[in-house]
């Protein structure tokens, strides 16, 4: 496994500057959150930007994943909308297909997605049908491109826990539906020990997000500001032979991005380089 950093923690930086800074710090991967100015499907220069980014990643020997959690890319009025649960879910499906195209061109390890939040009086079974149908379309398209899809349970969303993720898997038969596991989310929701979940779901695991957090509070914190005991988490990832990226996700630290990225690397790199005895 190797360390990476999510560009949502560099919201005020230009994309290529971000990649260069992360490589300079020592990161070997970048989680690219498609957003305004960062591979946006609504910008004329996106194809040239993708090609330039592919060349830069190759030059720096950096891996990547594509993240799709931009807050106001698809709607300037409503955070994260529309989703696979929305009446306008076709826009989300087309966006996910675009993200798959980006991943295929960059050789990314996966596209990471989530369910979205359920709004209004939509019955649970109808919402699940919407999610499953939308996912089927995205997964079929991704399979044609040879791209894995990492589904992330997200606190507050329709699929918010590993139990709900397991329910979703019971409705979908697709080898390329994998798992994006967020360490902080497990801790936030009391899904512990985290290492047990890593061992149980290792065959699906394609992408890992990491940050500190408090139980019951969904706020991404700098390492040491929350309650998570990280050595057993990194040990578990080493035990299962996980060889993809462990991506720091500090989306609220963009005002101090470079310093935050350095602090996170200095905290995590010794744990990744040499797993410790429990």
Foldseek 3Di string as FASTA:
>chain_A
DFAEAECLLQVVDQPVVVVVLLLVLPGQEYEYAAAVNGLQPPDPCNVVVLVVVLVVNVVSNHAYEYEHQAQDRPHVPGGPPDFLQDPVNVVVLVVLLSSLVSCLSNVHLAYEDEGAADDDDDDLVSSLVSSLVSVVSSLVSSVVSVHAYAYEQPPRHSRNDVVSVVVSVVSDDGPRHAHEYEPQSCQQAVVDPPLVVCVVRVSRYRHYEYAAYEHVDPAGHHPPPHDDDCLSVLVSCVVSVPDDYHYYYHSVNNVPSSVSSSSNCVVCVVSNVDRDDD
